[in-house]
Amino acid sequence: MSDTIESYWLNDIKVEVRADEDPDKLIVTCSDDDDSVQFRVARDEFRNYRRLSNIRLQEAFEQYKEEQK
C-alpha cells in the first residue's frame, strides 16, 4: 500500500489520497462508518479541480447511500 499523500474529512466522509503505480494517477478512497469507495484519478485533475472534485465526491457518496436503502 502506498503512503498517504493527503487525508481530510468532507462532513462524515473521510477522504484519503495515495500515490498509484502510475505516476500520473492518484488513488482516492472515500469512507464512512459503513461503506468505502475507491477510485483512480489523474493528479492534475485532482489538484486543479479539487473543490469541484470534493462536491462530486460528496454527491456521489450520498447518492450511493440512498441507493443502498
N, C-alpha and C. Protein backbone atom coordinates (compact mmCIF):
# COMPACT_ATOMS: atom_id res chain seq x y z
N MET A 1 0.84 -1.18 0.00
CA MET A 1 0.00 0.00 0.00
C MET A 1 0.89 1.24 0.00
N SER A 2 0.53 2.24 -0.79
CA SER A 2 1.30 3.48 -0.89
C SER A 2 1.10 4.36 0.33
N ASP A 3 2.06 5.22 0.56
CA ASP A 3 1.92 6.18 1.64
C ASP A 3 0.81 7.17 1.33
N THR A 4 0.16 7.63 2.36
CA THR A 4 -0.90 8.62 2.21
C THR A 4 -0.29 9.97 1.87
N ILE A 5 -0.78 10.59 0.81
CA ILE A 5 -0.33 11.92 0.40
C ILE A 5 -1.12 12.98 1.14
N GLU A 6 -2.41 12.71 1.29
CA GLU A 6 -3.31 13.67 1.90
C GLU A 6 -4.50 12.92 2.50
N SER A 7 -5.01 13.44 3.59
CA SER A 7 -6.18 12.85 4.24
C SER A 7 -6.99 13.98 4.84
N TYR A 8 -8.30 13.98 4.57
CA TYR A 8 -9.16 15.03 5.10
C TYR A 8 -10.59 14.53 5.19
N TRP A 9 -11.45 15.33 5.82
CA TRP A 9 -12.86 14.97 6.03
C TRP A 9 -13.75 15.89 5.21
N LEU A 10 -14.78 15.31 4.59
CA LEU A 10 -15.87 16.05 3.96
C LEU A 10 -17.12 15.67 4.75
N ASN A 11 -17.47 16.48 5.70
CA ASN A 11 -18.54 16.15 6.64
C ASN A 11 -18.23 14.81 7.30
N ASP A 12 -19.03 13.78 7.08
CA ASP A 12 -18.76 12.49 7.71
C ASP A 12 -18.05 11.50 6.79
N ILE A 13 -17.52 12.00 5.67
CA ILE A 13 -16.80 11.16 4.72
C ILE A 13 -15.30 11.42 4.86
N LYS A 14 -14.54 10.38 5.13
CA LYS A 14 -13.09 10.52 5.19
C LYS A 14 -12.52 10.28 3.79
N VAL A 15 -11.69 11.19 3.33
CA VAL A 15 -11.06 11.09 2.02
C VAL A 15 -9.57 10.89 2.24
N GLU A 16 -9.02 9.87 1.60
CA GLU A 16 -7.60 9.58 1.70
C GLU A 16 -7.04 9.49 0.29
N VAL A 17 -5.96 10.22 0.03
CA VAL A 17 -5.35 10.26 -1.30
C VAL A 17 -3.97 9.62 -1.21
N ARG A 18 -3.73 8.63 -2.08
CA ARG A 18 -2.44 7.93 -2.10
C ARG A 18 -1.89 7.90 -3.52
N ALA A 19 -0.59 7.70 -3.64
CA ALA A 19 0.04 7.57 -4.95
C ALA A 19 -0.36 6.23 -5.57
N ASP A 20 -0.41 6.19 -6.89
CA ASP A 20 -0.72 4.98 -7.64
C ASP A 20 0.57 4.48 -8.29
N GLU A 21 0.55 3.27 -8.82
CA GLU A 21 1.71 2.76 -9.55
C GLU A 21 2.02 3.64 -10.75
N ASP A 22 0.98 4.17 -11.38
CA ASP A 22 1.12 5.11 -12.49
C ASP A 22 1.42 6.49 -11.88
N PRO A 23 2.56 7.09 -12.20
CA PRO A 23 2.93 8.36 -11.57
C PRO A 23 1.98 9.52 -11.89
N ASP A 24 1.16 9.37 -12.91
CA ASP A 24 0.21 10.42 -13.28
C ASP A 24 -1.15 10.26 -12.61
N LYS A 25 -1.31 9.21 -11.80
CA LYS A 25 -2.60 8.92 -11.18
C LYS A 25 -2.49 8.94 -9.67
N LEU A 26 -3.64 9.12 -9.03
CA LEU A 26 -3.78 9.02 -7.58
C LEU A 26 -4.89 8.03 -7.28
N ILE A 27 -4.82 7.41 -6.12
CA ILE A 27 -5.89 6.55 -5.65
C ILE A 27 -6.62 7.31 -4.55
N VAL A 28 -7.91 7.49 -4.73
CA VAL A 28 -8.73 8.21 -3.76
C VAL A 28 -9.67 7.21 -3.09
N THR A 29 -9.64 7.16 -1.77
CA THR A 29 -10.53 6.28 -1.01
C THR A 29 -11.44 7.16 -0.16
N CYS A 30 -12.75 6.93 -0.30
CA CYS A 30 -13.75 7.66 0.48
C CYS A 30 -14.47 6.65 1.36
N SER A 31 -14.61 6.97 2.63
CA SER A 31 -15.26 6.01 3.53
C SER A 31 -16.00 6.73 4.65
N ASP A 32 -17.02 6.03 5.15
CA ASP A 32 -17.69 6.47 6.36
C ASP A 32 -17.73 5.26 7.28
N ASP A 33 -18.59 5.27 8.26
CA ASP A 33 -18.63 4.16 9.21
C ASP A 33 -19.04 2.84 8.57
N ASP A 34 -19.81 2.90 7.48
CA ASP A 34 -20.37 1.69 6.90
C ASP A 34 -19.76 1.25 5.58
N ASP A 35 -19.41 2.19 4.73
CA ASP A 35 -19.00 1.87 3.36
C ASP A 35 -17.69 2.54 2.98
N SER A 36 -17.09 1.99 1.92
CA SER A 36 -15.85 2.54 1.40
C SER A 36 -15.86 2.42 -0.12
N VAL A 37 -15.40 3.48 -0.79
CA VAL A 37 -15.33 3.51 -2.24
C VAL A 37 -13.93 3.96 -2.62
N GLN A 38 -13.37 3.31 -3.64
CA GLN A 38 -12.00 3.64 -4.06
C GLN A 38 -12.00 3.82 -5.57
N PHE A 39 -11.26 4.84 -6.06
CA PHE A 39 -11.14 5.06 -7.49
C PHE A 39 -9.83 5.76 -7.80
N ARG A 40 -9.47 5.74 -9.08
CA ARG A 40 -8.25 6.39 -9.54
C ARG A 40 -8.62 7.69 -10.25
N VAL A 41 -7.76 8.69 -10.10
CA VAL A 41 -7.99 9.98 -10.73
C VAL A 41 -6.64 10.54 -11.17
N ALA A 42 -6.64 11.33 -12.24
CA ALA A 42 -5.42 11.97 -12.72
C ALA A 42 -4.96 13.00 -11.68
N ARG A 43 -3.64 13.06 -11.45
CA ARG A 43 -3.09 14.02 -10.49
C ARG A 43 -3.51 15.45 -10.81
N ASP A 44 -3.35 15.83 -12.08
CA ASP A 44 -3.68 17.20 -12.48
C ASP A 44 -5.14 17.51 -12.26
N GLU A 45 -6.01 16.56 -12.57
CA GLU A 45 -7.44 16.77 -12.38
C GLU A 45 -7.76 17.00 -10.91
N PHE A 46 -7.20 16.17 -10.05
CA PHE A 46 -7.48 16.31 -8.62
C PHE A 46 -6.93 17.63 -8.09
N ARG A 47 -5.72 17.99 -8.48
CA ARG A 47 -5.10 19.21 -7.99
C ARG A 47 -5.82 20.46 -8.52
N ASN A 48 -6.11 20.48 -9.80
CA ASN A 48 -6.68 21.68 -10.43
C ASN A 48 -8.17 21.85 -10.17
N TYR A 49 -8.86 20.77 -9.88
CA TYR A 49 -10.30 20.86 -9.71
C TYR A 49 -10.73 20.30 -8.37
N ARG A 50 -9.92 20.49 -7.36
CA ARG A 50 -10.18 19.89 -6.05
C ARG A 50 -11.55 20.28 -5.48
N ARG A 51 -11.90 21.53 -5.53
CA ARG A 51 -13.18 21.96 -4.97
C ARG A 51 -14.33 21.26 -5.68
N LEU A 52 -14.30 21.25 -7.01
CA LEU A 52 -15.34 20.57 -7.77
C LEU A 52 -15.32 19.07 -7.49
N SER A 53 -14.12 18.50 -7.39
CA SER A 53 -14.00 17.07 -7.08
C SER A 53 -14.63 16.76 -5.73
N ASN A 54 -14.40 17.60 -4.74
CA ASN A 54 -14.97 17.38 -3.42
C ASN A 54 -16.49 17.43 -3.44
N ILE A 55 -17.05 18.34 -4.20
CA ILE A 55 -18.51 18.43 -4.32
C ILE A 55 -19.03 17.15 -4.97
N ARG A 56 -18.38 16.71 -6.04
CA ARG A 56 -18.81 15.49 -6.72
C ARG A 56 -18.66 14.26 -5.83
N LEU A 57 -17.58 14.22 -5.06
CA LEU A 57 -17.38 13.09 -4.14
C LEU A 57 -18.53 13.01 -3.14
N GLN A 58 -18.87 14.14 -2.55
CA GLN A 58 -19.95 14.15 -1.57
C GLN A 58 -21.27 13.72 -2.20
N GLU A 59 -21.58 14.27 -3.37
CA GLU A 59 -22.84 13.94 -4.04
C GLU A 59 -22.89 12.46 -4.42
N ALA A 60 -21.79 11.94 -4.94
CA ALA A 60 -21.76 10.53 -5.35
C ALA A 60 -21.92 9.62 -4.14
N PHE A 61 -21.28 9.95 -3.05
CA PHE A 61 -21.36 9.12 -1.85
C PHE A 61 -22.78 9.16 -1.29
N GLU A 62 -23.39 10.34 -1.27
CA GLU A 62 -24.77 10.45 -0.79
C GLU A 62 -25.73 9.69 -1.68
N GLN A 63 -25.54 9.75 -2.99
CA GLN A 63 -26.38 9.00 -3.92
C GLN A 63 -26.23 7.50 -3.69
N TYR A 64 -25.00 7.05 -3.50
CA TYR A 64 -24.75 5.64 -3.24
C TYR A 64 -25.47 5.19 -1.98
N LYS A 65 -25.40 6.00 -0.94
CA LYS A 65 -26.05 5.65 0.34
C LYS A 65 -27.57 5.56 0.15
N GLU A 66 -28.14 6.45 -0.64
CA GLU A 66 -29.58 6.43 -0.90
C GLU A 66 -29.96 5.15 -1.65
N GLU A 67 -29.15 4.75 -2.61
CA GLU A 67 -29.42 3.55 -3.40
C GLU A 67 -29.34 2.29 -2.57
N GLN A 68 -28.55 2.32 -1.49
CA GLN A 68 -28.38 1.14 -0.64
C GLN A 68 -29.53 0.94 0.34
N LYS A 69 -30.39 1.95 0.48
CA LYS A 69 -31.51 1.87 1.43
C LYS A 69 -32.59 0.94 0.92
